[in-house]
Amino acid sequence: MGGVVLLRALGIKPSVFHINEGHVAFLALELMREKIALGVPFAAALAQTRAESISQRTLPWPPGMTDSRRKLMRFTFHKIQPQITSSVSEFLSLGRVDPKDENETFCMDGCSR
C-alpha cells in the first residue's frame, strides 16, 4: 500500500502495476481505496483495479501461498476496510478463490478471483 502512496507523492502514475506473489498484494487494496474515495462505486473500482494490475505467482502450488488469518486481516485493515467495502465479510471475500466460502482464508498470492 505504501508503494502506491509513495509513487503518488513522487508524481509517478503507472498505467499498470505488477504484483509478484503476496509481497505486494495489498497494493490492489490501496488502488481500490483511492478510487472509492473519489466516488467510484465498488464494482467499478474492482474492475478498474483488475485492469491495471498484473499478478504473477512463481510457485503454482499451495506451499508458495501465504494465507493470512481472518483475525489478522481484521486487525491490520480495520481502518481502511470501511473505505473499500461495506462489510468485513465482503472485504475478506476479495482474497478468496470462492468469495462466498467464509471458511476459506484470505490468500495474497494471486489465488483470488
PDB file of N, CA and C in Angstrom:
ATOM      1  N   MET A   1       0.829  -1.183   0.000  1.00  0.00           N
ATOM      2  CA  MET A   1       0.000   0.000   0.000  1.00  0.00           C
ATOM      3  C   MET A   1       0.876   1.250   0.000  1.00  0.00           C
ATOM      4  N   GLY A   2       1.952   1.176   0.765  1.00  0.00           N
ATOM      5  CA  GLY A   2       2.853   2.311   0.853  1.00  0.00           C
ATOM      6  C   GLY A   2       3.524   2.622  -0.472  1.00  0.00           C
ATOM      7  N   GLY A   3       3.725   1.603  -1.289  1.00  0.00           N
ATOM      8  CA  GLY A   3       4.335   1.820  -2.595  1.00  0.00           C
ATOM      9  C   GLY A   3       3.472   2.698  -3.482  1.00  0.00           C
ATOM     10  N   VAL A   4       2.168   2.486  -3.449  1.00  0.00           N
ATOM     11  CA  VAL A   4       1.250   3.311  -4.231  1.00  0.00           C
ATOM     12  C   VAL A   4       1.286   4.746  -3.707  1.00  0.00           C
ATOM     13  N   VAL A   5       1.250   4.888  -2.394  1.00  0.00           N
ATOM     14  CA  VAL A   5       1.293   6.224  -1.775  1.00  0.00           C
ATOM     15  C   VAL A   5       2.584   6.943  -2.166  1.00  0.00           C
ATOM     16  N   LEU A   6       3.706   6.228  -2.133  1.00  0.00           N
ATOM     17  CA  LEU A   6       4.989   6.826  -2.499  1.00  0.00           C
ATOM     18  C   LEU A   6       5.004   7.251  -3.970  1.00  0.00           C
ATOM     19  N   LEU A   7       4.547   6.374  -4.847  1.00  0.00           N
ATOM     20  CA  LEU A   7       4.504   6.728  -6.268  1.00  0.00           C
ATOM     21  C   LEU A   7       3.656   7.970  -6.500  1.00  0.00           C
ATOM     22  N   ARG A   8       2.521   8.036  -5.834  1.00  0.00           N
ATOM     23  CA  ARG A   8       1.643   9.210  -5.976  1.00  0.00           C
ATOM     24  C   ARG A   8       2.360  10.468  -5.485  1.00  0.00           C
ATOM     25  N   ALA A   9       3.047  10.362  -4.344  1.00  0.00           N
ATOM     26  CA  ALA A   9       3.768  11.509  -3.781  1.00  0.00           C
ATOM     27  C   ALA A   9       4.881  11.990  -4.716  1.00  0.00           C
ATOM     28  N   LEU A  10       5.464  11.062  -5.448  1.00  0.00           N
ATOM     29  CA  LEU A  10       6.527  11.405  -6.396  1.00  0.00           C
ATOM     30  C   LEU A  10       5.983  11.865  -7.749  1.00  0.00           C
ATOM     31  N   GLY A  11       4.672  11.811  -7.901  1.00  0.00           N
ATOM     32  CA  GLY A  11       4.064  12.224  -9.156  1.00  0.00           C
ATOM     33  C   GLY A  11       4.145  11.184 -10.252  1.00  0.00           C
ATOM     34  N   ILE A  12       4.462   9.950  -9.894  1.00  0.00           N
ATOM     35  CA  ILE A  12       4.571   8.863 -10.863  1.00  0.00           C
ATOM     36  C   ILE A  12       3.206   8.186 -10.978  1.00  0.00           C
ATOM     37  N   LYS A  13       2.720   8.044 -12.204  1.00  0.00           N
ATOM     38  CA  LYS A  13       1.390   7.475 -12.442  1.00  0.00           C
ATOM     39  C   LYS A  13       1.479   6.285 -13.389  1.00  0.00           C
ATOM     40  N   PRO A  14       1.832   5.099 -12.859  1.00  0.00           N
ATOM     41  CA  PRO A  14       1.931   3.914 -13.713  1.00  0.00           C
ATOM     42  C   PRO A  14       0.574   3.567 -14.327  1.00  0.00           C
ATOM     43  N   SER A  15       0.593   3.044 -15.535  1.00  0.00           N
ATOM     44  CA  SER A  15      -0.650   2.585 -16.152  1.00  0.00           C
ATOM     45  C   SER A  15      -0.929   1.128 -15.787  1.00  0.00           C
ATOM     46  N   VAL A  16       0.114   0.410 -15.350  1.00  0.00           N
ATOM     47  CA  VAL A  16      -0.011  -0.985 -14.947  1.00  0.00           C
ATOM     48  C   VAL A  16       0.853  -1.218 -13.713  1.00  0.00           C
ATOM     49  N   PHE A  17       0.325  -2.012 -12.787  1.00  0.00           N
ATOM     50  CA  PHE A  17       1.065  -2.384 -11.581  1.00  0.00           C
ATOM     51  C   PHE A  17       1.326  -3.883 -11.627  1.00  0.00           C
ATOM     52  N   HIS A  18       2.546  -4.298 -11.312  1.00  0.00           N
ATOM     53  CA  HIS A  18       2.918  -5.703 -11.296  1.00  0.00           C
ATOM     54  C   HIS A  18       2.922  -6.191  -9.854  1.00  0.00           C
ATOM     55  N   ILE A  19       2.144  -7.221  -9.583  1.00  0.00           N
ATOM     56  CA  ILE A  19       2.053  -7.810  -8.247  1.00  0.00           C
ATOM     57  C   ILE A  19       2.710  -9.179  -8.306  1.00  0.00           C
ATOM     58  N   ASN A  20       3.809  -9.356  -7.592  1.00  0.00           N
ATOM     59  CA  ASN A  20       4.550 -10.604  -7.588  1.00  0.00           C
ATOM     60  C   ASN A  20       4.264 -11.356  -6.299  1.00  0.00           C
ATOM     61  N   GLU A  21       3.429 -12.366  -6.413  1.00  0.00           N
ATOM     62  CA  GLU A  21       3.038 -13.197  -5.272  1.00  0.00           C
ATOM     63  C   GLU A  21       2.454 -12.328  -4.173  1.00  0.00           C
ATOM     64  N   GLY A  22       2.610 -12.704  -2.929  1.00  0.00           N
ATOM     65  CA  GLY A  22       1.982 -11.996  -1.829  1.00  0.00           C
ATOM     66  C   GLY A  22       2.728 -10.784  -1.351  1.00  0.00           C
ATOM     67  N   HIS A  23       3.911 -10.554  -1.893  1.00  0.00           N
ATOM     68  CA  HIS A  23       4.748  -9.486  -1.368  1.00  0.00           C
ATOM     69  C   HIS A  23       4.118  -8.110  -1.492  1.00  0.00           C
ATOM     70  N   VAL A  24       3.352  -7.881  -2.529  1.00  0.00           N
ATOM     71  CA  VAL A  24       2.736  -6.571  -2.718  1.00  0.00           C
ATOM     72  C   VAL A  24       1.242  -6.676  -3.031  1.00  0.00           C
ATOM     73  N   ALA A  25       0.610  -7.729  -2.578  1.00  0.00           N
ATOM     74  CA  ALA A  25      -0.791  -7.954  -2.903  1.00  0.00           C
ATOM     75  C   ALA A  25      -1.712  -6.866  -2.383  1.00  0.00           C
ATOM     76  N   PHE A  26      -1.332  -6.210  -1.310  1.00  0.00           N
ATOM     77  CA  PHE A  26      -2.201  -5.188  -0.749  1.00  0.00           C
ATOM     78  C   PHE A  26      -2.183  -3.904  -1.565  1.00  0.00           C
ATOM     79  N   LEU A  27      -1.302  -3.831  -2.547  1.00  0.00           N
ATOM     80  CA  LEU A  27      -1.279  -2.718  -3.480  1.00  0.00           C
ATOM     81  C   LEU A  27      -2.662  -2.555  -4.110  1.00  0.00           C
ATOM     82  N   ALA A  28      -3.301  -3.640  -4.479  1.00  0.00           N
ATOM     83  CA  ALA A  28      -4.617  -3.582  -5.108  1.00  0.00           C
ATOM     84  C   ALA A  28      -5.649  -2.964  -4.171  1.00  0.00           C
ATOM     85  N   LEU A  29      -5.537  -3.231  -2.870  1.00  0.00           N
ATOM     86  CA  LEU A  29      -6.472  -2.636  -1.924  1.00  0.00           C
ATOM     87  C   LEU A  29      -6.319  -1.122  -1.886  1.00  0.00           C
ATOM     88  N   GLU A  30      -5.090  -0.640  -1.953  1.00  0.00           N
ATOM     89  CA  GLU A  30      -4.861   0.801  -1.962  1.00  0.00           C
ATOM     90  C   GLU A  30      -5.396   1.431  -3.246  1.00  0.00           C
ATOM     91  N   LEU A  31      -5.217   0.752  -4.372  1.00  0.00           N
ATOM     92  CA  LEU A  31      -5.762   1.265  -5.627  1.00  0.00           C
ATOM     93  C   LEU A  31      -7.289   1.350  -5.555  1.00  0.00           C
ATOM     94  N   MET A  32      -7.912   0.344  -4.974  1.00  0.00           N
ATOM     95  CA  MET A  32      -9.365   0.367  -4.816  1.00  0.00           C
ATOM     96  C   MET A  32      -9.789   1.475  -3.855  1.00  0.00           C
ATOM     97  N   ARG A  33      -9.065   1.614  -2.747  1.00  0.00           N
ATOM     98  CA  ARG A  33      -9.408   2.639  -1.759  1.00  0.00           C
ATOM     99  C   ARG A  33      -9.363   4.027  -2.392  1.00  0.00           C
ATOM    100  N   GLU A  34      -8.333   4.270  -3.212  1.00  0.00           N
ATOM    101  CA  GLU A  34      -8.218   5.555  -3.907  1.00  0.00           C
ATOM    102  C   GLU A  34      -9.438   5.828  -4.790  1.00  0.00           C
ATOM    103  N   LYS A  35      -9.825   4.845  -5.564  1.00  0.00           N
ATOM    104  CA  LYS A  35     -10.936   5.010  -6.498  1.00  0.00           C
ATOM    105  C   LYS A  35     -12.242   5.258  -5.754  1.00  0.00           C
ATOM    106  N   ILE A  36     -12.480   4.466  -4.726  1.00  0.00           N
ATOM    107  CA  ILE A  36     -13.714   4.597  -3.951  1.00  0.00           C
ATOM    108  C   ILE A  36     -13.766   5.959  -3.256  1.00  0.00           C
ATOM    109  N   ALA A  37     -12.619   6.440  -2.777  1.00  0.00           N
ATOM    110  CA  ALA A  37     -12.556   7.769  -2.146  1.00  0.00           C
ATOM    111  C   ALA A  37     -12.925   8.869  -3.140  1.00  0.00           C
ATOM    112  N   LEU A  38     -12.715   8.608  -4.428  1.00  0.00           N
ATOM    113  CA  LEU A  38     -13.066   9.573  -5.471  1.00  0.00           C
ATOM    114  C   LEU A  38     -14.517   9.427  -5.930  1.00  0.00           C
ATOM    115  N   GLY A  39     -15.243   8.471  -5.325  1.00  0.00           N
ATOM    116  CA  GLY A  39     -16.649   8.282  -5.652  1.00  0.00           C
ATOM    117  C   GLY A  39     -16.944   7.174  -6.634  1.00  0.00           C
ATOM    118  N   VAL A  40     -15.929   6.411  -7.018  1.00  0.00           N
ATOM    119  CA  VAL A  40     -16.145   5.292  -7.942  1.00  0.00           C
ATOM    120  C   VAL A  40     -16.841   4.169  -7.168  1.00  0.00           C
ATOM    121  N   PRO A  41     -17.946   3.621  -7.673  1.00  0.00           N
ATOM    122  CA  PRO A  41     -18.620   2.513  -6.992  1.00  0.00           C
ATOM    123  C   PRO A  41     -17.689   1.300  -6.843  1.00  0.00           C
ATOM    124  N   PHE A  42     -17.948   0.479  -5.836  1.00  0.00           N
ATOM    125  CA  PHE A  42     -17.114  -0.678  -5.526  1.00  0.00           C
ATOM    126  C   PHE A  42     -16.858  -1.556  -6.746  1.00  0.00           C
ATOM    127  N   ALA A  43     -17.917  -1.969  -7.443  1.00  0.00           N
ATOM    128  CA  ALA A  43     -17.758  -2.898  -8.578  1.00  0.00           C
ATOM    129  C   ALA A  43     -16.882  -2.281  -9.670  1.00  0.00           C
ATOM    130  N   ALA A  44     -17.060  -1.007  -9.935  1.00  0.00           N
ATOM    131  CA  ALA A  44     -16.243  -0.341 -10.957  1.00  0.00           C
ATOM    132  C   ALA A  44     -14.797  -0.203 -10.486  1.00  0.00           C
ATOM    133  N   ALA A  45     -14.606   0.105  -9.197  1.00  0.00           N
ATOM    134  CA  ALA A  45     -13.246   0.215  -8.648  1.00  0.00           C
ATOM    135  C   ALA A  45     -12.525  -1.122  -8.736  1.00  0.00           C
ATOM    136  N   LEU A  46     -13.243  -2.203  -8.455  1.00  0.00           N
ATOM    137  CA  LEU A  46     -12.661  -3.542  -8.544  1.00  0.00           C
ATOM    138  C   LEU A  46     -12.278  -3.855  -9.994  1.00  0.00           C
ATOM    139  N   ALA A  47     -13.166  -3.577 -10.928  1.00  0.00           N
ATOM    140  CA  ALA A  47     -12.896  -3.846 -12.341  1.00  0.00           C
ATOM    141  C   ALA A  47     -11.720  -3.001 -12.855  1.00  0.00           C
ATOM    142  N   GLN A  48     -11.680  -1.735 -12.481  1.00  0.00           N
ATOM    143  CA  GLN A  48     -10.593  -0.860 -12.915  1.00  0.00           C
ATOM    144  C   GLN A  48      -9.254  -1.313 -12.328  1.00  0.00           C
ATOM    145  N   THR A  49      -9.275  -1.733 -11.068  1.00  0.00           N
ATOM    146  CA  THR A  49      -8.045  -2.194 -10.422  1.00  0.00           C
ATOM    147  C   THR A  49      -7.548  -3.476 -11.070  1.00  0.00           C
ATOM    148  N   ARG A  50      -8.449  -4.376 -11.394  1.00  0.00           N
ATOM    149  CA  ARG A  50      -8.047  -5.595 -12.104  1.00  0.00           C
ATOM    150  C   ARG A  50      -7.418  -5.269 -13.449  1.00  0.00           C
ATOM    151  N   ALA A  51      -7.981  -4.279 -14.137  1.00  0.00           N
ATOM    152  CA  ALA A  51      -7.495  -3.925 -15.469  1.00  0.00           C
ATOM    153  C   ALA A  51      -6.097  -3.308 -15.428  1.00  0.00           C
ATOM    154  N   GLU A  52      -5.723  -2.701 -14.308  1.00  0.00           N
ATOM    155  CA  GLU A  52      -4.413  -2.054 -14.233  1.00  0.00           C
ATOM    156  C   GLU A  52      -3.413  -2.855 -13.395  1.00  0.00           C
ATOM    157  N   SER A  53      -3.738  -4.108 -13.084  1.00  0.00           N
ATOM    158  CA  SER A  53      -2.862  -4.940 -12.262  1.00  0.00           C
ATOM    159  C   SER A  53      -2.511  -6.239 -12.977  1.00  0.00           C
ATOM    160  N   ILE A  54      -1.256  -6.620 -12.898  1.00  0.00           N
ATOM    161  CA  ILE A  54      -0.795  -7.902 -13.425  1.00  0.00           C
ATOM    162  C   ILE A  54      -0.273  -8.695 -12.240  1.00  0.00           C
ATOM    163  N   SER A  55      -0.798  -9.875 -12.044  1.00  0.00           N
ATOM    164  CA  SER A  55      -0.393 -10.711 -10.914  1.00  0.00           C
ATOM    165  C   SER A  55       0.453 -11.872 -11.413  1.00  0.00           C
ATOM    166  N   GLN A  56       1.517 -12.154 -10.694  1.00  0.00           N
ATOM    167  CA  GLN A  56       2.417 -13.257 -11.055  1.00  0.00           C
ATOM    168  C   GLN A  56       2.608 -14.136  -9.835  1.00  0.00           C
ATOM    169  N   ARG A  57       2.508 -15.425 -10.039  1.00  0.00           N
ATOM    170  CA  ARG A  57       2.799 -16.368  -8.976  1.00  0.00           C
ATOM    171  C   ARG A  57       3.826 -17.342  -9.516  1.00  0.00           C
ATOM    172  N   THR A  58       4.982 -17.392  -8.887  1.00  0.00           N
ATOM    173  CA  THR A  58       6.052 -18.248  -9.381  1.00  0.00           C
ATOM    174  C   THR A  58       5.970 -19.663  -8.842  1.00  0.00           C
ATOM    175  N   LEU A  59       5.276 -19.863  -7.743  1.00  0.00           N
ATOM    176  CA  LEU A  59       5.112 -21.202  -7.171  1.00  0.00           C
ATOM    177  C   LEU A  59       3.638 -21.583  -7.277  1.00  0.00           C
ATOM    178  N   PRO A  60       3.248 -22.410  -8.250  1.00  0.00           N
ATOM    179  CA  PRO A  60       1.835 -22.681  -8.512  1.00  0.00           C
ATOM    180  C   PRO A  60       1.186 -23.721  -7.603  1.00  0.00           C
ATOM    181  N   TRP A  61       1.734 -23.955  -6.448  1.00  0.00           N
ATOM    182  CA  TRP A  61       1.123 -24.920  -5.538  1.00  0.00           C
ATOM    183  C   TRP A  61       0.992 -24.278  -4.170  1.00  0.00           C
ATOM    184  N   PRO A  62       0.130 -24.840  -3.309  1.00  0.00           N
ATOM    185  CA  PRO A  62      -0.163 -24.226  -2.011  1.00  0.00           C
ATOM    186  C   PRO A  62       1.046 -23.833  -1.153  1.00  0.00           C
ATOM    187  N   PRO A  63       2.179 -24.591  -1.121  1.00  0.00           N
ATOM    188  CA  PRO A  63       3.278 -24.133  -0.275  1.00  0.00           C
ATOM    189  C   PRO A  63       3.803 -22.749  -0.634  1.00  0.00           C
ATOM    190  N   GLY A  64       3.564 -22.292  -1.842  1.00  0.00           N
ATOM    191  CA  GLY A  64       4.018 -20.971  -2.241  1.00  0.00           C
ATOM    192  C   GLY A  64       3.048 -19.868  -1.872  1.00  0.00           C
ATOM    193  N   MET A  65       1.907 -20.232  -1.316  1.00  0.00           N
ATOM    194  CA  MET A  65       0.891 -19.253  -0.984  1.00  0.00           C
ATOM    195  C   MET A  65       1.011 -18.816   0.467  1.00  0.00           C
ATOM    196  N   THR A  66       0.606 -17.594   0.718  1.00  0.00           N
ATOM    197  CA  THR A  66       0.634 -17.049   2.069  1.00  0.00           C
ATOM    198  C   THR A  66      -0.791 -16.778   2.499  1.00  0.00           C
ATOM    199  N   ASP A  67      -1.344 -17.577   3.390  1.00  0.00           N
ATOM    200  CA  ASP A  67      -2.700 -17.360   3.882  1.00  0.00           C
ATOM    201  C   ASP A  67      -2.645 -16.567   5.171  1.00  0.00           C
ATOM    202  N   SER A  68      -3.329 -15.442   5.179  1.00  0.00           N
ATOM    203  CA  SER A  68      -3.424 -14.634   6.382  1.00  0.00           C
ATOM    204  C   SER A  68      -4.758 -14.921   7.035  1.00  0.00           C
ATOM    205  N   ARG A  69      -4.749 -15.140   8.298  1.00  0.00           N
ATOM    206  CA  ARG A  69      -5.963 -15.493   9.026  1.00  0.00           C
ATOM    207  C   ARG A  69      -6.903 -14.304   9.178  1.00  0.00           C
ATOM    208  N   ARG A  70      -8.199 -14.607   9.316  1.00  0.00           N
ATOM    209  CA  ARG A  70      -9.231 -13.570   9.419  1.00  0.00           C
ATOM    210  C   ARG A  70      -8.950 -12.562  10.526  1.00  0.00           C
ATOM    211  N   LYS A  71      -8.536 -13.012  11.692  1.00  0.00           N
ATOM    212  CA  LYS A  71      -8.287 -12.082  12.803  1.00  0.00           C
ATOM    213  C   LYS A  71      -7.161 -11.112  12.463  1.00  0.00           C
ATOM    214  N   LEU A  72      -6.118 -11.621  11.840  1.00  0.00           N
ATOM    215  CA  LEU A  72      -5.004 -10.762  11.461  1.00  0.00           C
ATOM    216  C   LEU A  72      -5.448  -9.748  10.405  1.00  0.00           C
ATOM    217  N   MET A  73      -6.259 -10.187   9.456  1.00  0.00           N
ATOM    218  CA  MET A  73      -6.754  -9.275   8.427  1.00  0.00           C
ATOM    219  C   MET A  73      -7.623  -8.191   9.049  1.00  0.00           C
ATOM    220  N   ARG A  74      -8.502  -8.585   9.960  1.00  0.00           N
ATOM    221  CA  ARG A  74      -9.365  -7.586  10.614  1.00  0.00           C
ATOM    222  C   ARG A  74      -8.523  -6.592  11.403  1.00  0.00           C
ATOM    223  N   PHE A  75      -7.545  -7.085  12.133  1.00  0.00           N
ATOM    224  CA  PHE A  75      -6.674  -6.212  12.929  1.00  0.00           C
ATOM    225  C   PHE A  75      -5.895  -5.248  12.034  1.00  0.00           C
ATOM    226  N   THR A  76      -5.330  -5.781  10.986  1.00  0.00           N
ATOM    227  CA  THR A  76      -4.476  -4.983  10.106  1.00  0.00           C
ATOM    228  C   THR A  76      -5.260  -3.951   9.308  1.00  0.00           C
ATOM    229  N   PHE A  77      -6.441  -4.310   8.855  1.00  0.00           N
ATOM    230  CA  PHE A  77      -7.168  -3.454   7.933  1.00  0.00           C
ATOM    231  C   PHE A  77      -8.431  -2.824   8.501  1.00  0.00           C
ATOM    232  N   HIS A  78      -8.583  -2.810   9.815  1.00  0.00           N
ATOM    233  CA  HIS A  78      -9.820  -2.286  10.398  1.00  0.00           C
ATOM    234  C   HIS A  78     -10.072  -0.817  10.055  1.00  0.00           C
ATOM    235  N   LYS A  79      -9.022  -0.049   9.789  1.00  0.00           N
ATOM    236  CA  LYS A  79      -9.215   1.365   9.463  1.00  0.00           C
ATOM    237  C   LYS A  79      -9.584   1.594   7.999  1.00  0.00           C
ATOM    238  N   ILE A  80      -9.022   0.791   7.095  1.00  0.00           N
ATOM    239  CA  ILE A  80      -9.321   1.046   5.681  1.00  0.00           C
ATOM    240  C   ILE A  80     -10.449   0.180   5.132  1.00  0.00           C
ATOM    241  N   GLN A  81     -10.796  -0.908   5.811  1.00  0.00           N
ATOM    242  CA  GLN A  81     -11.868  -1.776   5.304  1.00  0.00           C
ATOM    243  C   GLN A  81     -13.146  -0.983   5.013  1.00  0.00           C
ATOM    244  N   PRO A  82     -13.593  -0.095   5.917  1.00  0.00           N
ATOM    245  CA  PRO A  82     -14.816   0.657   5.613  1.00  0.00           C
ATOM    246  C   PRO A  82     -14.668   1.605   4.418  1.00  0.00           C
ATOM    247  N   GLN A  83     -13.451   1.929   4.048  1.00  0.00           N
ATOM    248  CA  GLN A  83     -13.228   2.801   2.892  1.00  0.00           C
ATOM    249  C   GLN A  83     -13.299   2.039   1.574  1.00  0.00           C
ATOM    250  N   ILE A  84     -13.261   0.698   1.667  1.00  0.00           N
ATOM    251  CA  ILE A  84     -13.269  -0.137   0.463  1.00  0.00           C
ATOM    252  C   ILE A  84     -14.581  -0.897   0.319  1.00  0.00           C
ATOM    253  N   THR A  85     -15.038  -1.517   1.411  1.00  0.00           N
ATOM    254  CA  THR A  85     -16.258  -2.325   1.357  1.00  0.00           C
ATOM    255  C   THR A  85     -17.184  -1.954   2.513  1.00  0.00           C
ATOM    256  N   SER A  86     -18.439  -2.367   2.386  1.00  0.00           N
ATOM    257  CA  SER A  86     -19.417  -2.055   3.430  1.00  0.00           C
ATOM    258  C   SER A  86     -19.379  -3.037   4.596  1.00  0.00           C
ATOM    259  N   SER A  87     -18.697  -4.182   4.413  1.00  0.00           N
ATOM    260  CA  SER A  87     -18.624  -5.164   5.499  1.00  0.00           C
ATOM    261  C   SER A  87     -17.281  -5.878   5.509  1.00  0.00           C
ATOM    262  N   VAL A  88     -16.925  -6.405   6.676  1.00  0.00           N
ATOM    263  CA  VAL A  88     -15.693  -7.175   6.800  1.00  0.00           C
ATOM    264  C   VAL A  88     -15.776  -8.418   5.927  1.00  0.00           C
ATOM    265  N   SER A  89     -16.938  -9.039   5.888  1.00  0.00           N
ATOM    266  CA  SER A  89     -17.122 -10.246   5.083  1.00  0.00           C
ATOM    267  C   SER A  89     -16.860  -9.968   3.600  1.00  0.00           C
ATOM    268  N   GLU A  90     -17.388  -8.862   3.099  1.00  0.00           N
ATOM    269  CA  GLU A  90     -17.165  -8.511   1.694  1.00  0.00           C
ATOM    270  C   GLU A  90     -15.681  -8.217   1.443  1.00  0.00           C
ATOM    271  N   PHE A  91     -15.037  -7.549   2.397  1.00  0.00           N
ATOM    272  CA  PHE A  91     -13.608  -7.251   2.292  1.00  0.00           C
ATOM    273  C   PHE A  91     -12.798  -8.538   2.209  1.00  0.00           C
ATOM    274  N   LEU A  92     -13.068  -9.482   3.110  1.00  0.00           N
ATOM    275  CA  LEU A  92     -12.335 -10.745   3.126  1.00  0.00           C
ATOM    276  C   LEU A  92     -12.616 -11.582   1.881  1.00  0.00           C
ATOM    277  N   SER A  93     -13.791 -11.415   1.283  1.00  0.00           N
ATOM    278  CA  SER A  93     -14.114 -12.181   0.068  1.00  0.00           C
ATOM    279  C   SER A  93     -13.207 -11.804  -1.092  1.00  0.00           C
ATOM    280  N   LEU A  94     -12.580 -10.625  -1.039  1.00  0.00           N
ATOM    281  CA  LEU A  94     -11.681 -10.208  -2.111  1.00  0.00           C
ATOM    282  C   LEU A  94     -10.451 -11.106  -2.213  1.00  0.00           C
ATOM    283  N   GLY A  95     -10.116 -11.815  -1.148  1.00  0.00           N
ATOM    284  CA  GLY A  95      -8.929 -12.657  -1.134  1.00  0.00           C
ATOM    285  C   GLY A  95      -9.233 -14.140  -1.098  1.00  0.00           C
ATOM    286  N   ARG A  96     -10.394 -14.530  -1.594  1.00  0.00           N
ATOM    287  CA  ARG A  96     -10.758 -15.944  -1.603  1.00  0.00           C
ATOM    288  C   ARG A  96     -10.929 -16.449  -3.034  1.00  0.00           C
ATOM    289  N   VAL A  97     -10.617 -17.715  -3.244  1.00  0.00           N
ATOM    290  CA  VAL A  97     -10.895 -18.347  -4.530  1.00  0.00           C
ATOM    291  C   VAL A  97     -12.407 -18.402  -4.726  1.00  0.00           C
ATOM    292  N   ASP A  98     -13.120 -18.844  -3.692  1.00  0.00           N
ATOM    293  CA  ASP A  98     -14.585 -18.844  -3.696  1.00  0.00           C
ATOM    294  C   ASP A  98     -15.025 -17.740  -2.745  1.00  0.00           C
ATOM    295  N   PRO A  99     -15.384 -16.572  -3.263  1.00  0.00           N
ATOM    296  CA  PRO A  99     -15.712 -15.439  -2.408  1.00  0.00           C
ATOM    297  C   PRO A  99     -16.802 -15.713  -1.372  1.00  0.00           C
ATOM    298  N   LYS A 100     -17.669 -16.698  -1.625  1.00  0.00           N
ATOM    299  CA  LYS A 100     -18.769 -16.997  -0.707  1.00  0.00           C
ATOM    300  C   LYS A 100     -18.384 -17.946   0.421  1.00  0.00           C
ATOM    301  N   ASP A 101     -17.220 -18.581   0.333  1.00  0.00           N
ATOM    302  CA  ASP A 101     -16.773 -19.556   1.339  1.00  0.00           C
ATOM    303  C   ASP A 101     -16.082 -18.838   2.499  1.00  0.00           C
ATOM    304  N   GLU A 102     -16.835 -18.554   3.558  1.00  0.00           N
ATOM    305  CA  GLU A 102     -16.288 -17.809   4.688  1.00  0.00           C
ATOM    306  C   GLU A 102     -15.291 -18.608   5.518  1.00  0.00           C
ATOM    307  N   ASN A 103     -15.167 -19.907   5.254  1.00  0.00           N
ATOM    308  CA  ASN A 103     -14.157 -20.720   5.945  1.00  0.00           C
ATOM    309  C   ASN A 103     -12.800 -20.648   5.257  1.00  0.00           C
ATOM    310  N   GLU A 104     -12.788 -20.174   4.036  1.00  0.00           N
ATOM    311  CA  GLU A 104     -11.558 -20.053   3.278  1.00  0.00           C
ATOM    312  C   GLU A 104     -10.767 -18.840   3.793  1.00  0.00           C
ATOM    313  N   THR A 105      -9.468 -18.999   3.937  1.00  0.00           N
ATOM    314  CA  THR A 105      -8.654 -17.907   4.438  1.00  0.00           C
ATOM    315  C   THR A 105      -8.317 -16.925   3.316  1.00  0.00           C
ATOM    316  N   PHE A 106      -7.917 -15.746   3.690  1.00  0.00           N
ATOM    317  CA  PHE A 106      -7.522 -14.694   2.744  1.00  0.00           C
ATOM    318  C   PHE A 106      -6.187 -15.084   2.134  1.00  0.00           C
ATOM    319  N   CYS A 107      -6.133 -15.161   0.819  1.00  0.00           N
ATOM    320  CA  CYS A 107      -4.925 -15.556   0.115  1.00  0.00           C
ATOM    321  C   CYS A 107      -4.371 -14.365  -0.639  1.00  0.00           C
ATOM    322  N   MET A 108      -3.101 -14.088  -0.463  1.00  0.00           N
ATOM    323  CA  MET A 108      -2.492 -12.916  -1.067  1.00  0.00           C
ATOM    324  C   MET A 108      -1.735 -13.221  -2.350  1.00  0.00           C
ATOM    325  N   ASP A 109      -1.696 -14.429  -2.800  1.00  0.00           N
ATOM    326  CA  ASP A 109      -0.809 -14.802  -3.898  1.00  0.00           C
ATOM    327  C   ASP A 109      -1.501 -15.123  -5.204  1.00  0.00           C
ATOM    328  N   GLY A 110      -2.332 -14.243  -5.663  1.00  0.00           N
ATOM    329  CA  GLY A 110      -2.934 -14.423  -6.977  1.00  0.00           C
ATOM    330  C   GLY A 110      -3.926 -15.556  -7.058  1.00  0.00           C
ATOM    331  N   CYS A 111      -4.410 -16.038  -5.909  1.00  0.00           N
ATOM    332  CA  CYS A 111      -5.343 -17.149  -5.949  1.00  0.00           C
ATOM    333  C   CYS A 111      -6.785 -16.663  -5.827  1.00  0.00           C
ATOM    334  N   SER A 112      -6.986 -15.363  -5.723  1.00  0.00           N
ATOM    335  CA  SER A 112      -8.340 -14.848  -5.587  1.00  0.00           C
ATOM    336  C   SER A 112      -8.988 -14.656  -6.950  1.00  0.00           C
ATOM    337  N   ARG A 113     -10.218 -14.291  -6.933  1.00  0.00           N
ATOM    338  CA  ARG A 113     -10.988 -14.090  -8.152  1.00  0.00           C
ATOM    339  C   ARG A 113     -10.408 -12.950  -8.888  1.00  0.00           C
TER     340      ARG A 113
END
